[in-house]
Amino acid sequence: DCFTLKAGRGRDGRRVNRPTENVVIR
């Protein structure tokens, strides 16, 4: 993938629970 947004995987991602937010690609 070129430009990609991610925020953690499954149970470990839920434990951390940090979003990706407020992103501008222009």
PDB file of all heavy atoms in Angstrom:
ATOM      1  N   ASP A   1       0.823  -1.210   0.000  1.00  0.00           N
ATOM      2  CA  ASP A   1       0.000   0.000   0.000  1.00  0.00           C
ATOM      3  C   ASP A   1       0.858   1.262   0.000  1.00  0.00           C
ATOM      4  O   ASP A   1       1.986   1.262   0.502  1.00  0.00           O
ATOM      5  CB  ASP A   1      -0.912   0.003   1.226  1.00  0.00           C
ATOM      6  CG  ASP A   1      -1.988  -1.073   1.136  1.00  0.00           C
ATOM      7  OD1 ASP A   1      -2.532  -1.266   0.036  1.00  0.00           O
ATOM      8  OD2 ASP A   1      -2.274  -1.716   2.159  1.00  0.00           O
ATOM      9  N   CYS A   2       0.294   2.346  -0.525  1.00  0.00           N
ATOM     10  CA  CYS A   2       1.029   3.617  -0.614  1.00  0.00           C
ATOM     11  C   CYS A   2       0.818   4.437   0.662  1.00  0.00           C
ATOM     12  O   CYS A   2       1.639   4.414   1.565  1.00  0.00           O
ATOM     13  CB  CYS A   2       0.595   4.374  -1.859  1.00  0.00           C
ATOM     14  SG  CYS A   2       1.026   3.532  -3.417  1.00  0.00           S
ATOM     15  N   PHE A   3      -0.264   5.200   0.751  1.00  0.00           N
ATOM     16  CA  PHE A   3      -0.578   5.976   1.949  1.00  0.00           C
ATOM     17  C   PHE A   3      -1.533   5.139   2.797  1.00  0.00           C
ATOM     18  O   PHE A   3      -2.607   4.762   2.337  1.00  0.00           O
ATOM     19  CB  PHE A   3      -1.230   7.309   1.569  1.00  0.00           C
ATOM     20  CG  PHE A   3      -0.364   8.175   0.700  1.00  0.00           C
ATOM     21  CD1 PHE A   3      -0.431   8.079  -0.680  1.00  0.00           C
ATOM     22  CD2 PHE A   3       0.524   9.072   1.259  1.00  0.00           C
ATOM     23  CE1 PHE A   3       0.364   8.870  -1.501  1.00  0.00           C
ATOM     24  CE2 PHE A   3       1.332   9.875   0.453  1.00  0.00           C
ATOM     25  CZ  PHE A   3       1.257   9.769  -0.924  1.00  0.00           C
ATOM     26  N   THR A   4      -1.146   4.858   4.043  1.00  0.00           N
ATOM     27  CA  THR A   4      -1.882   3.888   4.848  1.00  0.00           C
ATOM     28  C   THR A   4      -2.137   4.425   6.250  1.00  0.00           C
ATOM     29  O   THR A   4      -1.252   5.049   6.851  1.00  0.00           O
ATOM     30  CB  THR A   4      -1.094   2.561   4.931  1.00  0.00           C
ATOM     31  OG1 THR A   4      -0.717   2.149   3.616  1.00  0.00           O
ATOM     32  CG2 THR A   4      -1.917   1.473   5.565  1.00  0.00           C
ATOM     33  N   LEU A   5      -3.327   4.155   6.773  1.00  0.00           N
ATOM     34  CA  LEU A   5      -3.710   4.569   8.118  1.00  0.00           C
ATOM     35  C   LEU A   5      -3.982   3.319   8.944  1.00  0.00           C
ATOM     36  O   LEU A   5      -4.769   2.455   8.529  1.00  0.00           O
ATOM     37  CB  LEU A   5      -4.971   5.450   8.080  1.00  0.00           C
ATOM     38  CG  LEU A   5      -4.920   6.805   7.366  1.00  0.00           C
ATOM     39  CD1 LEU A   5      -3.758   7.645   7.884  1.00  0.00           C
ATOM     40  CD2 LEU A   5      -4.868   6.682   5.858  1.00  0.00           C
ATOM     41  N   LYS A   6      -3.339   3.219  10.117  1.00  0.00           N
ATOM     42  CA  LYS A   6      -3.454   2.035  10.960  1.00  0.00           C
ATOM     43  C   LYS A   6      -3.621   2.448  12.424  1.00  0.00           C
ATOM     44  O   LYS A   6      -3.233   3.552  12.803  1.00  0.00           O
ATOM     45  CB  LYS A   6      -2.220   1.149  10.814  1.00  0.00           C
ATOM     46  CG  LYS A   6      -2.013   0.604   9.391  1.00  0.00           C
ATOM     47  CD  LYS A   6      -0.764  -0.231   9.288  1.00  0.00           C
ATOM     48  CE  LYS A   6      -0.553  -0.798   7.897  1.00  0.00           C
ATOM     49  NZ  LYS A   6      -1.570  -1.814   7.546  1.00  0.00           N
ATOM     50  N   ALA A   7      -4.177   1.514  13.245  1.00  0.00           N
ATOM     51  CA  ALA A   7      -4.422   1.868  14.650  1.00  0.00           C
ATOM     52  C   ALA A   7      -4.396   0.645  15.559  1.00  0.00           C
ATOM     53  O   ALA A   7      -5.139   0.580  16.531  1.00  0.00           O
ATOM     54  CB  ALA A   7      -5.764   2.591  14.782  1.00  0.00           C
ATOM     55  N   GLY A   8      -3.527  -0.316  15.289  1.00  0.00           N
ATOM     56  CA  GLY A   8      -3.391  -1.458  16.181  1.00  0.00           C
ATOM     57  C   GLY A   8      -4.226  -2.646  15.745  1.00  0.00           C
ATOM     58  O   GLY A   8      -5.253  -2.502  15.092  1.00  0.00           O
ATOM     59  N   ARG A   9      -3.767  -3.833  16.177  1.00  0.00           N
ATOM     60  CA  ARG A   9      -4.386  -5.064  15.708  1.00  0.00           C
ATOM     61  C   ARG A   9      -5.029  -5.840  16.856  1.00  0.00           C
ATOM     62  O   ARG A   9      -4.385  -6.123  17.871  1.00  0.00           O
ATOM     63  CB  ARG A   9      -3.326  -5.948  15.040  1.00  0.00           C
ATOM     64  CG  ARG A   9      -3.867  -7.255  14.488  1.00  0.00           C
ATOM     65  CD  ARG A   9      -2.766  -8.132  13.933  1.00  0.00           C
ATOM     66  NE  ARG A   9      -2.128  -7.570  12.761  1.00  0.00           N
ATOM     67  CZ  ARG A   9      -1.782  -8.277  11.686  1.00  0.00           C
ATOM     68  NH1 ARG A   9      -2.017  -9.571  11.629  1.00  0.00           N
ATOM     69  NH2 ARG A   9      -1.177  -7.706  10.681  1.00  0.00           N
ATOM     70  N   GLY A  10      -6.292  -6.177  16.699  1.00  0.00           N
ATOM     71  CA  GLY A  10      -6.966  -7.115  17.566  1.00  0.00           C
ATOM     72  C   GLY A  10      -6.860  -6.785  19.053  1.00  0.00           C
ATOM     73  O   GLY A  10      -6.970  -5.634  19.485  1.00  0.00           O
ATOM     74  N   ARG A  11      -6.632  -7.826  19.861  1.00  0.00           N
ATOM     75  CA  ARG A  11      -6.649  -7.665  21.319  1.00  0.00           C
ATOM     76  C   ARG A  11      -5.538  -6.746  21.806  1.00  0.00           C
ATOM     77  O   ARG A  11      -5.751  -5.938  22.715  1.00  0.00           O
ATOM     78  CB  ARG A  11      -6.538  -9.039  21.988  1.00  0.00           C
ATOM     79  CG  ARG A  11      -7.760  -9.912  21.758  1.00  0.00           C
ATOM     80  CD  ARG A  11      -7.755 -11.158  22.622  1.00  0.00           C
ATOM     81  NE  ARG A  11      -8.900 -11.994  22.308  1.00  0.00           N
ATOM     82  CZ  ARG A  11     -10.130 -11.786  22.770  1.00  0.00           C
ATOM     83  NH1 ARG A  11     -10.364 -10.766  23.586  1.00  0.00           N
ATOM     84  NH2 ARG A  11     -11.127 -12.590  22.441  1.00  0.00           N
ATOM     85  N   ASP A  12      -4.356  -6.844  21.220  1.00  0.00           N
ATOM     86  CA  ASP A  12      -3.280  -5.963  21.667  1.00  0.00           C
ATOM     87  C   ASP A  12      -3.574  -4.517  21.288  1.00  0.00           C
ATOM     88  O   ASP A  12      -3.288  -3.592  22.054  1.00  0.00           O
ATOM     89  CB  ASP A  12      -1.945  -6.415  21.072  1.00  0.00           C
ATOM     90  CG  ASP A  12      -0.766  -5.950  21.925  1.00  0.00           C
ATOM     91  OD1 ASP A  12      -0.710  -6.338  23.109  1.00  0.00           O
ATOM     92  OD2 ASP A  12       0.078  -5.190  21.416  1.00  0.00           O
ATOM     93  N   GLY A  13      -4.166  -4.319  20.125  1.00  0.00           N
ATOM     94  CA  GLY A  13      -4.561  -2.975  19.732  1.00  0.00           C
ATOM     95  C   GLY A  13      -5.660  -2.407  20.603  1.00  0.00           C
ATOM     96  O   GLY A  13      -5.677  -1.210  20.923  1.00  0.00           O
ATOM     97  N   ARG A  14      -6.587  -3.269  21.029  1.00  0.00           N
ATOM     98  CA  ARG A  14      -7.636  -2.816  21.935  1.00  0.00           C
ATOM     99  C   ARG A  14      -7.058  -2.457  23.305  1.00  0.00           C
ATOM    100  O   ARG A  14      -7.519  -1.520  23.966  1.00  0.00           O
ATOM    101  CB  ARG A  14      -8.695  -3.911  22.095  1.00  0.00           C
ATOM    102  CG  ARG A  14      -9.594  -4.079  20.881  1.00  0.00           C
ATOM    103  CD  ARG A  14     -10.514  -2.919  20.679  1.00  0.00           C
ATOM    104  NE  ARG A  14     -11.425  -2.754  21.820  1.00  0.00           N
ATOM    105  CZ  ARG A  14     -12.110  -1.652  22.075  1.00  0.00           C
ATOM    106  NH1 ARG A  14     -11.959  -0.594  21.299  1.00  0.00           N
ATOM    107  NH2 ARG A  14     -12.932  -1.594  23.114  1.00  0.00           N
ATOM    108  N   ARG A  15      -6.075  -3.221  23.748  1.00  0.00           N
ATOM    109  CA  ARG A  15      -5.437  -2.912  25.035  1.00  0.00           C
ATOM    110  C   ARG A  15      -4.833  -1.508  25.005  1.00  0.00           C
ATOM    111  O   ARG A  15      -5.001  -0.728  25.950  1.00  0.00           O
ATOM    112  CB  ARG A  15      -4.354  -3.952  25.322  1.00  0.00           C
ATOM    113  CG  ARG A  15      -3.530  -3.660  26.573  1.00  0.00           C
ATOM    114  CD  ARG A  15      -2.405  -4.680  26.725  1.00  0.00           C
ATOM    115  NE  ARG A  15      -1.449  -4.634  25.638  1.00  0.00           N
ATOM    116  CZ  ARG A  15      -0.449  -3.754  25.540  1.00  0.00           C
ATOM    117  NH1 ARG A  15      -0.306  -2.805  26.458  1.00  0.00           N
ATOM    118  NH2 ARG A  15       0.382  -3.793  24.518  1.00  0.00           N
ATOM    119  N   VAL A  16      -4.147  -1.176  23.938  1.00  0.00           N
ATOM    120  CA  VAL A  16      -3.535   0.147  23.801  1.00  0.00           C
ATOM    121  C   VAL A  16      -4.605   1.210  23.549  1.00  0.00           C
ATOM    122  O   VAL A  16      -4.599   2.293  24.138  1.00  0.00           O
ATOM    123  CB  VAL A  16      -2.496   0.133  22.667  1.00  0.00           C
ATOM    124  CG1 VAL A  16      -1.935   1.526  22.422  1.00  0.00           C
ATOM    125  CG2 VAL A  16      -1.383  -0.862  22.977  1.00  0.00           C
ATOM    126  N   ASN A  17      -5.493   0.909  22.592  1.00  0.00           N
ATOM    127  CA  ASN A  17      -6.666   1.743  22.292  1.00  0.00           C
ATOM    128  C   ASN A  17      -6.301   3.197  21.988  1.00  0.00           C
ATOM    129  O   ASN A  17      -6.840   4.133  22.578  1.00  0.00           O
ATOM    130  CB  ASN A  17      -7.662   1.686  23.451  1.00  0.00           C
ATOM    131  CG  ASN A  17      -9.050   2.153  23.023  1.00  0.00           C
ATOM    132  OD1 ASN A  17      -9.422   2.015  21.860  1.00  0.00           O
ATOM    133  ND2 ASN A  17      -9.809   2.696  23.945  1.00  0.00           N
ATOM    134  N   ARG A  18      -5.384   3.382  21.032  1.00  0.00           N
ATOM    135  CA  ARG A  18      -5.022   4.731  20.586  1.00  0.00           C
ATOM    136  C   ARG A  18      -5.425   4.900  19.130  1.00  0.00           C
ATOM    137  O   ARG A  18      -5.025   4.112  18.264  1.00  0.00           O
ATOM    138  CB  ARG A  18      -3.527   4.984  20.756  1.00  0.00           C
ATOM    139  CG  ARG A  18      -3.099   5.027  22.211  1.00  0.00           C
ATOM    140  CD  ARG A  18      -1.655   5.422  22.376  1.00  0.00           C
ATOM    141  NE  ARG A  18      -1.372   6.765  21.888  1.00  0.00           N
ATOM    142  CZ  ARG A  18      -0.266   7.448  22.203  1.00  0.00           C
ATOM    143  NH1 ARG A  18       0.639   6.909  23.014  1.00  0.00           N
ATOM    144  NH2 ARG A  18      -0.068   8.653  21.724  1.00  0.00           N
ATOM    145  N   PRO A  19      -6.222   5.926  18.824  1.00  0.00           N
ATOM    146  CA  PRO A  19      -6.701   6.104  17.453  1.00  0.00           C
ATOM    147  C   PRO A  19      -5.648   6.739  16.546  1.00  0.00           C
ATOM    148  O   PRO A  19      -4.662   7.313  17.005  1.00  0.00           O
ATOM    149  CB  PRO A  19      -7.885   7.054  17.620  1.00  0.00           C
ATOM    150  CG  PRO A  19      -7.500   7.887  18.807  1.00  0.00           C
ATOM    151  CD  PRO A  19      -6.759   6.950  19.728  1.00  0.00           C
ATOM    152  N   THR A  20      -5.890   6.641  15.264  1.00  0.00           N
ATOM    153  CA  THR A  20      -5.277   7.538  14.291  1.00  0.00           C
ATOM    154  C   THR A  20      -6.367   8.532  13.907  1.00  0.00           C
ATOM    155  O   THR A  20      -7.456   8.139  13.475  1.00  0.00           O
ATOM    156  CB  THR A  20      -4.786   6.767  13.062  1.00  0.00           C
ATOM    157  OG1 THR A  20      -3.545   6.126  13.378  1.00  0.00           O
ATOM    158  CG2 THR A  20      -4.558   7.686  11.876  1.00  0.00           C
ATOM    159  N   GLU A  21      -6.094   9.816  14.077  1.00  0.00           N
ATOM    160  CA  GLU A  21      -7.143  10.808  13.849  1.00  0.00           C
ATOM    161  C   GLU A  21      -6.559  12.146  13.413  1.00  0.00           C
ATOM    162  O   GLU A  21      -5.420  12.471  13.726  1.00  0.00           O
ATOM    163  CB  GLU A  21      -7.986  10.994  15.109  1.00  0.00           C
ATOM    164  CG  GLU A  21      -7.227  11.445  16.327  1.00  0.00           C
ATOM    165  CD  GLU A  21      -8.097  11.453  17.576  1.00  0.00           C
ATOM    166  OE1 GLU A  21      -9.313  11.231  17.476  1.00  0.00           O
ATOM    167  OE2 GLU A  21      -7.537  11.690  18.674  1.00  0.00           O
ATOM    168  N   ASN A  22      -7.382  12.869  12.667  1.00  0.00           N
ATOM    169  CA  ASN A  22      -7.016  14.201  12.171  1.00  0.00           C
ATOM    170  C   ASN A  22      -5.801  14.105  11.250  1.00  0.00           C
ATOM    171  O   ASN A  22      -4.697  14.560  11.575  1.00  0.00           O
ATOM    172  CB  ASN A  22      -6.738  15.165  13.325  1.00  0.00           C
ATOM    173  CG  ASN A  22      -7.900  15.289  14.285  1.00  0.00           C
ATOM    174  OD1 ASN A  22      -9.029  14.941  13.948  1.00  0.00           O
ATOM    175  ND2 ASN A  22      -7.628  15.773  15.485  1.00  0.00           N
ATOM    176  N   VAL A  23      -6.028  13.508  10.094  1.00  0.00           N
ATOM    177  CA  VAL A  23      -4.969  13.299   9.099  1.00  0.00           C
ATOM    178  C   VAL A  23      -5.406  13.927   7.782  1.00  0.00           C
ATOM    179  O   VAL A  23      -6.516  13.669   7.293  1.00  0.00           O
ATOM    180  CB  VAL A  23      -4.681  11.803   8.890  1.00  0.00           C
ATOM    181  CG1 VAL A  23      -3.602  11.599   7.817  1.00  0.00           C
ATOM    182  CG2 VAL A  23      -4.262  11.138  10.207  1.00  0.00           C
ATOM    183  N   VAL A  24      -4.536  14.750   7.200  1.00  0.00           N
ATOM    184  CA  VAL A  24      -4.783  15.363   5.890  1.00  0.00           C
ATOM    185  C   VAL A  24      -3.698  14.903   4.926  1.00  0.00           C
ATOM    186  O   VAL A  24      -2.504  14.999   5.226  1.00  0.00           O
ATOM    187  CB  VAL A  24      -4.797  16.900   5.984  1.00  0.00           C
ATOM    188  CG1 VAL A  24      -4.852  17.519   4.587  1.00  0.00           C
ATOM    189  CG2 VAL A  24      -5.981  17.365   6.824  1.00  0.00           C
ATOM    190  N   ILE A  25      -4.121  14.394   3.773  1.00  0.00           N
ATOM    191  CA  ILE A  25      -3.211  14.001   2.694  1.00  0.00           C
ATOM    192  C   ILE A  25      -3.601  14.835   1.479  1.00  0.00           C
ATOM    193  O   ILE A  25      -4.738  14.741   0.995  1.00  0.00           O
ATOM    194  CB  ILE A  25      -3.331  12.496   2.380  1.00  0.00           C
ATOM    195  CG1 ILE A  25      -3.034  11.669   3.625  1.00  0.00           C
ATOM    196  CG2 ILE A  25      -2.397  12.112   1.233  1.00  0.00           C
ATOM    197  CD1 ILE A  25      -3.309  10.173   3.457  1.00  0.00           C
ATOM    198  N   ARG A  26      -2.668  15.663   0.984  1.00  0.00           N
ATOM    199  CA  ARG A  26      -3.029  16.554  -0.109  1.00  0.00           C
ATOM    200  C   ARG A  26      -1.879  16.686  -1.107  1.00  0.00           C
ATOM    201  O   ARG A  26      -0.711  16.571  -0.765  1.00  0.00           O
ATOM    202  CB  ARG A  26      -3.414  17.927   0.427  1.00  0.00           C
ATOM    203  CG  ARG A  26      -2.288  18.680   1.130  1.00  0.00           C
ATOM    204  CD  ARG A  26      -2.772  19.988   1.736  1.00  0.00           C
ATOM    205  NE  ARG A  26      -1.665  20.751   2.311  1.00  0.00           N
ATOM    206  CZ  ARG A  26      -1.792  21.904   2.957  1.00  0.00           C
ATOM    207  NH1 ARG A  26      -2.995  22.427   3.131  1.00  0.00           N
ATOM    208  NH2 ARG A  26      -0.736  22.545   3.434  1.00  0.00           N
TER     209      ARG A  26
END
